Amino acid sequence: SRDAKRAEELAKSLDIPEAFTDVSALCQSPNVDLVTVVSPAHLHVPHALLALKSGKSVISEKPMALSVQEATELVEAQKEANVPVAVIGHELRFTPFVQKAKEILESDKLGQIRQITINGLFDIPMFHPPHSHWNDASKGGGIFSAVGVHVVDLLHFLFGFSITRVSAQTLNRVTELPSAEDPGKMIPCDAEDYCNLRLSLENSSKGVTAGTPAQVTLCGCTKGTPRFRAIIGGSSASLVIDIGKSRLILLDKDGDGKLREEVLVEEDEPQSGFPLGTYHMGVALRKFFTDGEKEAMSVGCSLSDGLKVQAVTDAVRASGKQDGDWVSVSYGK
């Protein structure tokens, strides 16, 4: 924490032996095994590098980096450090409903995939006062960095394909917000609060062809209850992945040809997939470090997987600046 007293009080309340105001000191402590990087986006790579070079396992929040060049530096550092855990915090992979969706897609139950649509309507605090790094494009702000990267990782995880080209429309309707230090001073916002993406996909063993249409629409400044779901339409059946309520629904026909809606996974109390995923990732980490279950973290987003997401992110940024022109995704070597 930047506040030593606050850090010490919180550490004491949680029975944690040390508190830090300096990232380097934290990374050098022999009592630290794992560093979770939750600093502002533009500091993710510097802080994750410090941890890796100190021999610590790392979970770095999204977005992974500000560019493919930065992300590549992190991947190379991880190879050299060879720490037990080095992942990006794409927690949806750990949720029961996403795990089940992956299982169904691998079973070919849906048949040929005819379309993929993902819509997210949110009222996110980052687009409300005060101004923060999330409203600054140069610091990795915007709805795509906050949510879009999760969508890209989810598609990669579920289908195993690569996104080859993107066409992106990005807008920012929240154009200024008051300063946190001086509420009377307005600071410009240049990070997008809306994005609409068309994706070109490569062939996949899970029923996806290069011509399968895929579209993503995300808006971070809408009023009302958030809605976030993916619809995967197939020739034999369809899946609704309700990320906002952590539900998985199968749509098909019964033996009499009547439409059927079957809830495959549902939480006792509907909740967003993000806190649920964080909980399950925490359980996996405990199993890994405490119980010695080395497979517990196998579903995590590796830094190499994160680099692929970053490559798509760079293409989205480039397309948005070119009024939606199609931009090829460069994954490098």
C-alpha atoms as a PDB file:
ATOM      1  CA  SER A   1       0.000   0.000   0.000  1.00  0.00           C
ATOM      2  CA  ARG A   2       1.061   3.630  -0.414  1.00  0.00           C
ATOM      3  CA  ASP A   3      -0.155   4.130   3.164  1.00  0.00           C
ATOM      4  CA  ALA A   4       2.131   2.296   5.612  1.00  0.00           C
ATOM      5  CA  LYS A   5      -0.244   2.613   8.566  1.00  0.00           C
ATOM      6  CA  ARG A   6      -3.188   1.299   6.588  1.00  0.00           C
ATOM      7  CA  ALA A   7      -1.117  -1.619   5.287  1.00  0.00           C
ATOM      8  CA  GLU A   8       0.079  -2.533   8.759  1.00  0.00           C
ATOM      9  CA  GLU A   9      -3.423  -2.391  10.243  1.00  0.00           C
ATOM     10  CA  LEU A  10      -4.862  -4.577   7.486  1.00  0.00           C
ATOM     11  CA  ALA A  11      -1.985  -7.063   7.738  1.00  0.00           C
ATOM     12  CA  LYS A  12      -2.483  -7.319  11.488  1.00  0.00           C
ATOM     13  CA  SER A  13      -6.241  -7.885  11.132  1.00  0.00           C
ATOM     14  CA  LEU A  14      -5.563 -10.768   8.715  1.00  0.00           C
ATOM     15  CA  ASP A  15      -2.671 -12.213  10.729  1.00  0.00           C
ATOM     16  CA  ILE A  16      -0.169 -11.440   7.972  1.00  0.00           C
ATOM     17  CA  PRO A  17       3.389 -11.012   9.329  1.00  0.00           C
ATOM     18  CA  GLU A  18       4.601  -8.299   6.933  1.00  0.00           C
ATOM     19  CA  ALA A  19       3.248  -5.165   5.261  1.00  0.00           C
ATOM     20  CA  PHE A  20       4.983  -3.233   2.498  1.00  0.00           C
ATOM     21  CA  THR A  21       4.955   0.178   0.865  1.00  0.00           C
ATOM     22  CA  ASP A  22       7.563  -0.801  -1.729  1.00  0.00           C
ATOM     23  CA  VAL A  23       7.054  -3.414  -4.468  1.00  0.00           C
ATOM     24  CA  SER A  24      10.753  -4.324  -4.602  1.00  0.00           C
ATOM     25  CA  ALA A  25      10.833  -5.030  -0.871  1.00  0.00           C
ATOM     26  CA  LEU A  26       7.747  -7.226  -1.167  1.00  0.00           C
ATOM     27  CA  CYS A  27       9.261  -9.218  -4.026  1.00  0.00           C
ATOM     28  CA  GLN A  28      12.511  -9.745  -2.105  1.00  0.00           C
ATOM     29  CA  SER A  29      10.859 -11.012   1.067  1.00  0.00           C
ATOM     30  CA  PRO A  30      11.609 -14.695   1.800  1.00  0.00           C
ATOM     31  CA  ASN A  31       8.090 -14.984   3.263  1.00  0.00           C
ATOM     32  CA  VAL A  32       6.449 -14.276  -0.107  1.00  0.00           C
ATOM     33  CA  ASP A  33       5.814 -17.143  -2.546  1.00  0.00           C
ATOM     34  CA  LEU A  34       3.257 -15.545  -4.852  1.00  0.00           C
ATOM     35  CA  VAL A  35       2.820 -11.951  -6.010  1.00  0.00           C
ATOM     36  CA  THR A  36      -0.561 -10.827  -7.326  1.00  0.00           C
ATOM     37  CA  VAL A  37      -0.176  -7.746  -9.516  1.00  0.00           C
ATOM     38  CA  VAL A  38      -3.292  -5.586  -9.147  1.00  0.00           C
ATOM     39  CA  SER A  39      -1.716  -2.183  -9.782  1.00  0.00           C
ATOM     40  CA  PRO A  40      -2.889   0.155 -12.597  1.00  0.00           C
ATOM     41  CA  ALA A  41      -2.624  -1.412 -16.052  1.00  0.00           C
ATOM     42  CA  HIS A  42       0.461   0.513 -17.172  1.00  0.00           C
ATOM     43  CA  LEU A  43       2.371  -0.882 -14.159  1.00  0.00           C
ATOM     44  CA  HIS A  44       1.460  -4.540 -14.673  1.00  0.00           C
ATOM     45  CA  VAL A  45       4.568  -5.436 -16.652  1.00  0.00           C
ATOM     46  CA  PRO A  46       7.119  -3.549 -14.486  1.00  0.00           C
ATOM     47  CA  HIS A  47       5.692  -5.059 -11.306  1.00  0.00           C
ATOM     48  CA  ALA A  48       5.357  -8.578 -12.749  1.00  0.00           C
ATOM     49  CA  LEU A  49       8.950  -8.379 -14.007  1.00  0.00           C
ATOM     50  CA  LEU A  50      10.142  -7.452 -10.517  1.00  0.00           C
ATOM     51  CA  ALA A  51       8.372 -10.475  -9.090  1.00  0.00           C
ATOM     52  CA  LEU A  52       9.659 -12.904 -11.716  1.00  0.00           C
ATOM     53  CA  LYS A  53      13.231 -11.662 -11.455  1.00  0.00           C
ATOM     54  CA  SER A  54      12.962 -12.188  -7.689  1.00  0.00           C
ATOM     55  CA  GLY A  55      11.936 -15.803  -8.258  1.00  0.00           C
ATOM     56  CA  LYS A  56       8.306 -15.331  -7.186  1.00  0.00           C
ATOM     57  CA  SER A  57       5.244 -16.928  -8.730  1.00  0.00           C
ATOM     58  CA  VAL A  58       2.967 -14.330 -10.351  1.00  0.00           C
ATOM     59  CA  ILE A  59      -0.694 -13.730 -11.064  1.00  0.00           C
ATOM     60  CA  SER A  60      -0.912 -10.523 -13.063  1.00  0.00           C
ATOM     61  CA  GLU A  61      -4.215  -8.742 -13.566  1.00  0.00           C
ATOM     62  CA  LYS A  62      -5.503  -7.978 -17.042  1.00  0.00           C
ATOM     63  CA  PRO A  63      -4.655  -6.372 -19.323  1.00  0.00           C
ATOM     64  CA  MET A  64      -1.367  -8.260 -19.473  1.00  0.00           C
ATOM     65  CA  ALA A  65       0.515  -5.325 -20.986  1.00  0.00           C
ATOM     66  CA  LEU A  66       0.214  -2.199 -23.102  1.00  0.00           C
ATOM     67  CA  SER A  67       1.650  -3.852 -26.220  1.00  0.00           C
ATOM     68  CA  VAL A  68       2.840  -7.139 -27.687  1.00  0.00           C
ATOM     69  CA  GLN A  69       6.406  -5.926 -27.195  1.00  0.00           C
ATOM     70  CA  GLU A  70       5.826  -5.533 -23.444  1.00  0.00           C
ATOM     71  CA  ALA A  71       3.988  -8.846 -23.201  1.00  0.00           C
ATOM     72  CA  THR A  72       6.821 -10.636 -25.016  1.00  0.00           C
ATOM     73  CA  GLU A  73       9.293  -9.249 -22.479  1.00  0.00           C
ATOM     74  CA  LEU A  74       7.199 -10.775 -19.699  1.00  0.00           C
ATOM     75  CA  VAL A  75       7.020 -14.171 -21.454  1.00  0.00           C
ATOM     76  CA  GLU A  76      10.804 -14.224 -21.871  1.00  0.00           C
ATOM     77  CA  ALA A  77      11.331 -13.295 -18.211  1.00  0.00           C
ATOM     78  CA  GLN A  78       9.052 -16.150 -17.144  1.00  0.00           C
ATOM     79  CA  LYS A  79      11.032 -18.655 -19.217  1.00  0.00           C
ATOM     80  CA  GLU A  80      14.210 -17.523 -17.507  1.00  0.00           C
ATOM     81  CA  ALA A  81      12.721 -17.445 -14.004  1.00  0.00           C
ATOM     82  CA  ASN A  82      10.942 -20.829 -14.370  1.00  0.00           C
ATOM     83  CA  VAL A  83       8.679 -20.134 -11.360  1.00  0.00           C
ATOM     84  CA  PRO A  84       5.915 -22.607 -10.366  1.00  0.00           C
ATOM     85  CA  VAL A  85       2.996 -20.340 -11.338  1.00  0.00           C
ATOM     86  CA  ALA A  86       2.911 -17.466 -13.840  1.00  0.00           C
ATOM     87  CA  VAL A  87      -0.575 -16.658 -15.148  1.00  0.00           C
ATOM     88  CA  ILE A  88      -2.802 -13.777 -16.201  1.00  0.00           C
ATOM     89  CA  GLY A  89      -5.915 -13.284 -14.078  1.00  0.00           C
ATOM     90  CA  HIS A  90      -8.524 -14.514 -16.539  1.00  0.00           C
ATOM     91  CA  GLU A  91     -10.607 -16.087 -13.805  1.00  0.00           C
ATOM     92  CA  LEU A  92     -13.590 -17.136 -15.948  1.00  0.00           C
ATOM     93  CA  ARG A  93     -11.599 -20.236 -16.968  1.00  0.00           C
ATOM     94  CA  PHE A  94     -11.977 -21.551 -13.402  1.00  0.00           C
ATOM     95  CA  THR A  95     -15.778 -21.273 -13.166  1.00  0.00           C
ATOM     96  CA  PRO A  96     -17.946 -24.421 -13.280  1.00  0.00           C
ATOM     97  CA  PHE A  97     -20.161 -23.022 -16.063  1.00  0.00           C
ATOM     98  CA  VAL A  98     -17.217 -22.249 -18.356  1.00  0.00           C
ATOM     99  CA  GLN A  99     -15.638 -25.638 -17.611  1.00  0.00           C
ATOM    100  CA  LYS A 100     -18.910 -27.334 -18.567  1.00  0.00           C
ATOM    101  CA  ALA A 101     -19.226 -25.232 -21.730  1.00  0.00           C
ATOM    102  CA  LYS A 102     -15.759 -26.357 -22.790  1.00  0.00           C
ATOM    103  CA  GLU A 103     -16.719 -29.981 -22.141  1.00  0.00           C
ATOM    104  CA  ILE A 104     -19.826 -29.654 -24.338  1.00  0.00           C
ATOM    105  CA  LEU A 105     -17.927 -27.971 -27.156  1.00  0.00           C
ATOM    106  CA  GLU A 106     -15.352 -30.751 -27.098  1.00  0.00           C
ATOM    107  CA  SER A 107     -18.161 -33.337 -27.370  1.00  0.00           C
ATOM    108  CA  ASP A 108     -19.407 -31.883 -30.686  1.00  0.00           C
ATOM    109  CA  LYS A 109     -22.938 -31.785 -29.226  1.00  0.00           C
ATOM    110  CA  LEU A 110     -23.645 -28.446 -30.919  1.00  0.00           C
ATOM    111  CA  GLY A 111     -22.672 -29.633 -34.380  1.00  0.00           C
ATOM    112  CA  GLN A 112     -21.258 -27.046 -36.764  1.00  0.00           C
ATOM    113  CA  ILE A 113     -20.986 -23.638 -35.117  1.00  0.00           C
ATOM    114  CA  ARG A 114     -23.122 -21.190 -37.091  1.00  0.00           C
ATOM    115  CA  GLN A 115     -22.534 -18.014 -35.068  1.00  0.00           C
ATOM    116  CA  ILE A 116     -20.901 -16.626 -31.918  1.00  0.00           C
ATOM    117  CA  THR A 117     -22.316 -13.487 -30.306  1.00  0.00           C
ATOM    118  CA  ILE A 118     -21.161 -11.909 -27.040  1.00  0.00           C
ATOM    119  CA  ASN A 119     -22.895  -8.869 -25.532  1.00  0.00           C
ATOM    120  CA  GLY A 120     -22.009  -6.987 -22.379  1.00  0.00           C
ATOM    121  CA  LEU A 121     -23.929  -4.024 -20.963  1.00  0.00           C
ATOM    122  CA  PHE A 122     -22.419  -2.555 -17.793  1.00  0.00           C
ATOM    123  CA  ASP A 123     -22.487   0.479 -15.543  1.00  0.00           C
ATOM    124  CA  ILE A 124     -18.825   0.343 -14.542  1.00  0.00           C
ATOM    125  CA  PRO A 125     -17.411   2.636 -11.822  1.00  0.00           C
ATOM    126  CA  MET A 126     -14.467   3.584 -14.062  1.00  0.00           C
ATOM    127  CA  PHE A 127     -16.838   5.700 -16.170  1.00  0.00           C
ATOM    128  CA  HIS A 128     -18.091   7.603 -13.129  1.00  0.00           C
ATOM    129  CA  PRO A 129     -16.250  10.281 -11.115  1.00  0.00           C
ATOM    130  CA  PRO A 130     -13.471  10.642 -10.317  1.00  0.00           C
ATOM    131  CA  HIS A 131     -11.094  10.378 -13.277  1.00  0.00           C
ATOM    132  CA  SER A 132      -8.663   7.460 -13.017  1.00  0.00           C
ATOM    133  CA  HIS A 133      -6.073   5.576 -15.052  1.00  0.00           C
ATOM    134  CA  TRP A 134      -8.962   3.554 -16.556  1.00  0.00           C
ATOM    135  CA  ASN A 135     -10.025   6.719 -18.438  1.00  0.00           C
ATOM    136  CA  ASP A 136      -6.557   7.218 -19.943  1.00  0.00           C
ATOM    137  CA  ALA A 137      -5.857   5.259 -23.134  1.00  0.00           C
ATOM    138  CA  SER A 138      -2.082   5.692 -22.769  1.00  0.00           C
ATOM    139  CA  LYS A 139      -2.269   3.853 -19.432  1.00  0.00           C
ATOM    140  CA  GLY A 140      -4.234   0.888 -20.757  1.00  0.00           C
ATOM    141  CA  GLY A 141      -7.700   2.162 -19.894  1.00  0.00           C
ATOM    142  CA  GLY A 142     -11.027   1.478 -21.580  1.00  0.00           C
ATOM    143  CA  ILE A 143     -13.782  -1.122 -21.705  1.00  0.00           C
ATOM    144  CA  PHE A 144     -11.764  -3.467 -23.907  1.00  0.00           C
ATOM    145  CA  SER A 145      -8.887  -3.626 -21.420  1.00  0.00           C
ATOM    146  CA  ALA A 146     -11.370  -4.106 -18.588  1.00  0.00           C
ATOM    147  CA  VAL A 147     -13.708  -6.677 -20.168  1.00  0.00           C
ATOM    148  CA  GLY A 148     -12.830  -7.282 -23.821  1.00  0.00           C
ATOM    149  CA  VAL A 149      -9.606  -9.118 -23.002  1.00  0.00           C
ATOM    150  CA  HIS A 150     -11.667 -11.566 -20.909  1.00  0.00           C
ATOM    151  CA  VAL A 151     -13.855 -12.207 -23.953  1.00  0.00           C
ATOM    152  CA  VAL A 152     -10.863 -12.898 -26.195  1.00  0.00           C
ATOM    153  CA  ASP A 153      -9.318 -15.257 -23.644  1.00  0.00           C
ATOM    154  CA  LEU A 154     -12.663 -17.017 -23.185  1.00  0.00           C
ATOM    155  CA  LEU A 155     -12.937 -17.648 -26.938  1.00  0.00           C
ATOM    156  CA  HIS A 156      -9.355 -18.920 -27.082  1.00  0.00           C
ATOM    157  CA  PHE A 157      -9.958 -21.185 -24.069  1.00  0.00           C
ATOM    158  CA  LEU A 158     -13.280 -22.627 -25.230  1.00  0.00           C
ATOM    159  CA  PHE A 159     -12.448 -23.209 -28.884  1.00  0.00           C
ATOM    160  CA  GLY A 160      -8.670 -23.375 -29.142  1.00  0.00           C
ATOM    161  CA  PHE A 161      -8.658 -21.278 -32.309  1.00  0.00           C
ATOM    162  CA  SER A 162      -6.845 -18.063 -33.074  1.00  0.00           C
ATOM    163  CA  ILE A 163      -8.537 -14.833 -34.104  1.00  0.00           C
ATOM    164  CA  THR A 164      -6.948 -13.883 -37.419  1.00  0.00           C
ATOM    165  CA  ARG A 165      -8.442 -10.439 -38.136  1.00  0.00           C
ATOM    166  CA  VAL A 166     -10.527  -7.859 -36.308  1.00  0.00           C
ATOM    167  CA  SER A 167     -12.733  -4.938 -37.277  1.00  0.00           C
ATOM    168  CA  ALA A 168     -13.355  -2.646 -34.318  1.00  0.00           C
ATOM    169  CA  GLN A 169     -15.550   0.367 -33.683  1.00  0.00           C
ATOM    170  CA  THR A 170     -14.500   2.087 -30.444  1.00  0.00           C
ATOM    171  CA  LEU A 171     -16.170   5.148 -28.941  1.00  0.00           C
ATOM    172  CA  ASN A 172     -15.920   7.193 -25.773  1.00  0.00           C
ATOM    173  CA  ARG A 173     -19.084   9.065 -24.809  1.00  0.00           C
ATOM    174  CA  VAL A 174     -17.815   9.905 -21.312  1.00  0.00           C
ATOM    175  CA  THR A 175     -15.451  12.618 -22.490  1.00  0.00           C
ATOM    176  CA  GLU A 176     -14.367  14.131 -19.158  1.00  0.00           C
ATOM    177  CA  LEU A 177     -14.481  13.437 -15.433  1.00  0.00           C
ATOM    178  CA  PRO A 178     -13.530  15.476 -12.350  1.00  0.00           C
ATOM    179  CA  SER A 179     -10.098  15.070 -10.819  1.00  0.00           C
ATOM    180  CA  ALA A 180      -9.835  12.959  -7.671  1.00  0.00           C
ATOM    181  CA  GLU A 181      -7.588  15.585  -6.068  1.00  0.00           C
ATOM    182  CA  ASP A 182      -9.513  18.632  -7.275  1.00  0.00           C
ATOM    183  CA  PRO A 183     -13.220  17.871  -8.009  1.00  0.00           C
ATOM    184  CA  GLY A 184     -13.599  21.285  -9.607  1.00  0.00           C
ATOM    185  CA  LYS A 185     -11.089  20.404 -12.309  1.00  0.00           C
ATOM    186  CA  MET A 186     -12.292  18.335 -15.278  1.00  0.00           C
ATOM    187  CA  ILE A 187      -9.856  15.905 -16.925  1.00  0.00           C
ATOM    188  CA  PRO A 188     -10.387  14.606 -20.498  1.00  0.00           C
ATOM    189  CA  CYS A 189     -11.191  10.912 -20.992  1.00  0.00           C
ATOM    190  CA  ASP A 190      -9.842   9.307 -24.168  1.00  0.00           C
ATOM    191  CA  ALA A 191     -10.278   5.611 -23.314  1.00  0.00           C
ATOM    192  CA  GLU A 192     -13.229   3.903 -25.016  1.00  0.00           C
ATOM    193  CA  ASP A 193     -16.386   3.079 -23.071  1.00  0.00           C
ATOM    194  CA  TYR A 194     -17.960   1.240 -26.029  1.00  0.00           C
ATOM    195  CA  CYS A 195     -16.595  -1.237 -28.538  1.00  0.00           C
ATOM    196  CA  ASN A 196     -18.154  -3.339 -31.262  1.00  0.00           C
ATOM    197  CA  LEU A 197     -15.987  -6.034 -32.801  1.00  0.00           C
ATOM    198  CA  ARG A 198     -16.255  -8.338 -35.763  1.00  0.00           C
ATOM    199  CA  LEU A 199     -13.843 -11.242 -35.602  1.00  0.00           C
ATOM    200  CA  SER A 200     -12.420 -13.431 -38.331  1.00  0.00           C
ATOM    201  CA  LEU A 201     -11.600 -16.908 -37.009  1.00  0.00           C
ATOM    202  CA  GLU A 202      -9.362 -19.761 -38.086  1.00  0.00           C
ATOM    203  CA  ASN A 203     -10.704 -23.306 -38.435  1.00  0.00           C
ATOM    204  CA  SER A 204     -11.188 -25.225 -35.188  1.00  0.00           C
ATOM    205  CA  SER A 205     -11.782 -28.884 -34.345  1.00  0.00           C
ATOM    206  CA  LYS A 206     -14.811 -27.713 -32.303  1.00  0.00           C
ATOM    207  CA  GLY A 207     -17.092 -26.983 -35.257  1.00  0.00           C
ATOM    208  CA  VAL A 208     -15.793 -23.521 -36.152  1.00  0.00           C
ATOM    209  CA  THR A 209     -14.842 -22.702 -39.738  1.00  0.00           C
ATOM    210  CA  ALA A 210     -13.062 -19.662 -41.114  1.00  0.00           C
ATOM    211  CA  GLY A 211     -16.451 -18.312 -42.229  1.00  0.00           C
ATOM    212  CA  THR A 212     -18.153 -18.568 -38.828  1.00  0.00           C
ATOM    213  CA  PRO A 213     -19.405 -15.074 -37.906  1.00  0.00           C
ATOM    214  CA  ALA A 214     -18.374 -13.809 -34.475  1.00  0.00           C
ATOM    215  CA  GLN A 215     -19.354 -10.477 -32.979  1.00  0.00           C
ATOM    216  CA  VAL A 216     -18.704  -8.798 -29.628  1.00  0.00           C
ATOM    217  CA  THR A 217     -20.440  -5.672 -28.289  1.00  0.00           C
ATOM    218  CA  LEU A 218     -19.433  -4.134 -24.957  1.00  0.00           C
ATOM    219  CA  CYS A 219     -20.681  -0.929 -23.359  1.00  0.00           C
ATOM    220  CA  GLY A 220     -19.466   0.262 -19.976  1.00  0.00           C
ATOM    221  CA  CYS A 221     -21.728   3.266 -19.343  1.00  0.00           C
ATOM    222  CA  THR A 222     -25.305   1.960 -19.518  1.00  0.00           C
ATOM    223  CA  LYS A 223     -27.747   2.323 -16.634  1.00  0.00           C
ATOM    224  CA  GLY A 224     -29.580  -0.618 -15.111  1.00  0.00           C
ATOM    225  CA  THR A 225     -28.685  -4.177 -14.178  1.00  0.00           C
ATOM    226  CA  PRO A 226     -25.570  -5.435 -15.999  1.00  0.00           C
ATOM    227  CA  ARG A 227     -26.044  -8.040 -18.719  1.00  0.00           C
ATOM    228  CA  PHE A 228     -23.186 -10.176 -19.992  1.00  0.00           C
ATOM    229  CA  ARG A 229     -23.660 -13.331 -22.004  1.00  0.00           C
ATOM    230  CA  ALA A 230     -22.386 -15.346 -24.930  1.00  0.00           C
ATOM    231  CA  ILE A 231     -24.565 -17.249 -27.398  1.00  0.00           C
ATOM    232  CA  ILE A 232     -22.946 -20.027 -29.399  1.00  0.00           C
ATOM    233  CA  GLY A 233     -25.367 -21.179 -32.080  1.00  0.00           C
ATOM    234  CA  GLY A 234     -24.849 -24.622 -33.594  1.00  0.00           C
ATOM    235  CA  SER A 235     -26.500 -26.756 -36.274  1.00  0.00           C
ATOM    236  CA  SER A 236     -27.632 -29.328 -33.659  1.00  0.00           C
ATOM    237  CA  ALA A 237     -27.973 -27.256 -30.478  1.00  0.00           C
ATOM    238  CA  SER A 238     -26.945 -23.918 -28.983  1.00  0.00           C
ATOM    239  CA  LEU A 239     -25.349 -22.748 -25.759  1.00  0.00           C
ATOM    240  CA  VAL A 240     -26.101 -19.640 -23.739  1.00  0.00           C
ATOM    241  CA  ILE A 241     -23.236 -18.767 -21.407  1.00  0.00           C
ATOM    242  CA  ASP A 242     -24.714 -16.278 -18.955  1.00  0.00           C
ATOM    243  CA  ILE A 243     -21.549 -14.774 -17.499  1.00  0.00           C
ATOM    244  CA  GLY A 244     -23.504 -12.202 -15.513  1.00  0.00           C
ATOM    245  CA  LYS A 245     -25.368 -14.908 -13.574  1.00  0.00           C
ATOM    246  CA  SER A 246     -22.881 -17.802 -13.837  1.00  0.00           C
ATOM    247  CA  ARG A 247     -25.373 -19.999 -15.696  1.00  0.00           C
ATOM    248  CA  LEU A 248     -25.044 -22.347 -18.647  1.00  0.00           C
ATOM    249  CA  ILE A 249     -28.128 -23.138 -20.740  1.00  0.00           C
ATOM    250  CA  LEU A 250     -28.480 -25.671 -23.558  1.00  0.00           C
ATOM    251  CA  LEU A 251     -31.063 -24.951 -26.278  1.00  0.00           C
ATOM    252  CA  ASP A 252     -32.170 -27.854 -28.455  1.00  0.00           C
ATOM    253  CA  LYS A 253     -35.223 -30.000 -29.348  1.00  0.00           C
ATOM    254  CA  ASP A 254     -36.579 -33.037 -27.551  1.00  0.00           C
ATOM    255  CA  GLY A 255     -37.553 -36.326 -29.187  1.00  0.00           C
ATOM    256  CA  ASP A 256     -40.880 -34.869 -30.306  1.00  0.00           C
ATOM    257  CA  GLY A 257     -39.218 -31.917 -31.980  1.00  0.00           C
ATOM    258  CA  LYS A 258     -40.311 -29.436 -29.323  1.00  0.00           C
ATOM    259  CA  LEU A 259     -37.947 -26.647 -28.310  1.00  0.00           C
ATOM    260  CA  ARG A 260     -36.202 -27.349 -25.035  1.00  0.00           C
ATOM    261  CA  GLU A 261     -34.218 -25.124 -22.681  1.00  0.00           C
ATOM    262  CA  GLU A 262     -32.079 -27.009 -20.171  1.00  0.00           C
ATOM    263  CA  VAL A 263     -30.115 -25.280 -17.417  1.00  0.00           C
ATOM    264  CA  LEU A 264     -26.891 -27.268 -17.155  1.00  0.00           C
ATOM    265  CA  VAL A 265     -25.072 -25.206 -14.519  1.00  0.00           C
ATOM    266  CA  GLU A 266     -26.549 -22.695 -12.100  1.00  0.00           C
ATOM    267  CA  GLU A 267     -25.352 -21.233  -8.807  1.00  0.00           C
ATOM    268  CA  ASP A 268     -27.622 -21.362  -5.748  1.00  0.00           C
ATOM    269  CA  GLU A 269     -27.480 -17.571  -5.711  1.00  0.00           C
ATOM    270  CA  PRO A 270     -26.980 -15.881  -9.125  1.00  0.00           C
ATOM    271  CA  GLN A 271     -23.707 -13.968  -9.214  1.00  0.00           C
ATOM    272  CA  SER A 272     -21.284 -12.581 -11.743  1.00  0.00           C
ATOM    273  CA  GLY A 273     -18.753 -15.006 -13.137  1.00  0.00           C
ATOM    274  CA  PHE A 274     -15.868 -12.728 -12.172  1.00  0.00           C
ATOM    275  CA  PRO A 275     -16.045 -12.996  -8.348  1.00  0.00           C
ATOM    276  CA  LEU A 276     -17.025 -16.651  -8.719  1.00  0.00           C
ATOM    277  CA  GLY A 277     -13.991 -17.260 -10.917  1.00  0.00           C
ATOM    278  CA  THR A 278     -11.731 -15.430  -8.470  1.00  0.00           C
ATOM    279  CA  TYR A 279     -12.990 -17.709  -5.689  1.00  0.00           C
ATOM    280  CA  HIS A 280     -12.347 -20.874  -7.713  1.00  0.00           C
ATOM    281  CA  MET A 281      -8.916 -19.634  -8.780  1.00  0.00           C
ATOM    282  CA  GLY A 282      -8.125 -19.057  -5.102  1.00  0.00           C
ATOM    283  CA  VAL A 283      -9.191 -22.624  -4.329  1.00  0.00           C
ATOM    284  CA  ALA A 284      -6.936 -23.876  -7.139  1.00  0.00           C
ATOM    285  CA  LEU A 285      -3.995 -21.880  -5.795  1.00  0.00           C
ATOM    286  CA  ARG A 286      -4.484 -23.348  -2.324  1.00  0.00           C
ATOM    287  CA  LYS A 287      -4.553 -26.854  -3.774  1.00  0.00           C
ATOM    288  CA  PHE A 288      -1.404 -26.092  -5.782  1.00  0.00           C
ATOM    289  CA  PHE A 289       0.710 -24.545  -3.032  1.00  0.00           C
ATOM    290  CA  THR A 290      -0.694 -26.183   0.105  1.00  0.00           C
ATOM    291  CA  ASP A 291      -1.896 -29.595  -1.053  1.00  0.00           C
ATOM    292  CA  GLY A 292       0.677 -30.187  -3.771  1.00  0.00           C
ATOM    293  CA  GLU A 293      -1.931 -30.708  -6.521  1.00  0.00           C
ATOM    294  CA  LYS A 294       0.146 -29.499  -9.445  1.00  0.00           C
ATOM    295  CA  GLU A 295      -2.704 -29.901 -11.954  1.00  0.00           C
ATOM    296  CA  ALA A 296      -4.919 -27.474 -10.030  1.00  0.00           C
ATOM    297  CA  MET A 297      -3.622 -24.461 -11.952  1.00  0.00           C
ATOM    298  CA  SER A 298      -3.429 -26.185 -15.340  1.00  0.00           C
ATOM    299  CA  VAL A 299      -6.496 -24.330 -16.685  1.00  0.00           C
ATOM    300  CA  GLY A 300      -4.973 -20.926 -15.895  1.00  0.00           C
ATOM    301  CA  CYS A 301      -4.113 -18.443 -18.637  1.00  0.00           C
ATOM    302  CA  SER A 302      -0.371 -18.865 -19.163  1.00  0.00           C
ATOM    303  CA  LEU A 303       1.744 -15.887 -20.129  1.00  0.00           C
ATOM    304  CA  SER A 304       1.985 -17.358 -23.635  1.00  0.00           C
ATOM    305  CA  ASP A 305      -1.821 -17.453 -23.770  1.00  0.00           C
ATOM    306  CA  GLY A 306      -1.850 -13.886 -22.477  1.00  0.00           C
ATOM    307  CA  LEU A 307       0.503 -12.850 -25.282  1.00  0.00           C
ATOM    308  CA  LYS A 308      -2.076 -14.095 -27.807  1.00  0.00           C
ATOM    309  CA  VAL A 309      -4.760 -11.986 -26.122  1.00  0.00           C
ATOM    310  CA  GLN A 310      -2.415  -8.997 -26.253  1.00  0.00           C
ATOM    311  CA  ALA A 311      -1.888  -9.514 -29.980  1.00  0.00           C
ATOM    312  CA  VAL A 312      -5.661  -9.286 -30.511  1.00  0.00           C
ATOM    313  CA  THR A 313      -5.784  -6.224 -28.246  1.00  0.00           C
ATOM    314  CA  ASP A 314      -3.169  -4.438 -30.347  1.00  0.00           C
ATOM    315  CA  ALA A 315      -5.163  -5.224 -33.503  1.00  0.00           C
ATOM    316  CA  VAL A 316      -8.369  -3.909 -31.884  1.00  0.00           C
ATOM    317  CA  ARG A 317      -6.603  -0.652 -30.973  1.00  0.00           C
ATOM    318  CA  ALA A 318      -5.247  -0.278 -34.500  1.00  0.00           C
ATOM    319  CA  SER A 319      -8.619  -0.999 -36.137  1.00  0.00           C
ATOM    320  CA  GLY A 320     -10.421   1.421 -33.824  1.00  0.00           C
ATOM    321  CA  LYS A 321      -8.076   4.191 -34.908  1.00  0.00           C
ATOM    322  CA  GLN A 322      -8.772   3.323 -38.569  1.00  0.00           C
ATOM    323  CA  ASP A 323     -12.575   3.580 -38.264  1.00  0.00           C
ATOM    324  CA  GLY A 324     -13.117  -0.162 -38.220  1.00  0.00           C
ATOM    325  CA  ASP A 325     -10.844  -1.272 -41.046  1.00  0.00           C
ATOM    326  CA  TRP A 326      -9.965  -4.955 -40.902  1.00  0.00           C
ATOM    327  CA  VAL A 327      -6.583  -5.470 -39.212  1.00  0.00           C
ATOM    328  CA  SER A 328      -4.671  -8.751 -39.173  1.00  0.00           C
ATOM    329  CA  VAL A 329      -3.600 -10.129 -35.811  1.00  0.00           C
ATOM    330  CA  SER A 330       0.170 -10.603 -35.621  1.00  0.00           C
ATOM    331  CA  TYR A 331       1.112 -13.349 -33.171  1.00  0.00           C
ATOM    332  CA  GLY A 332       4.822 -13.197 -33.949  1.00  0.00           C
ATOM    333  CA  LYS A 333       6.907 -16.372 -33.799  1.00  0.00           C
END
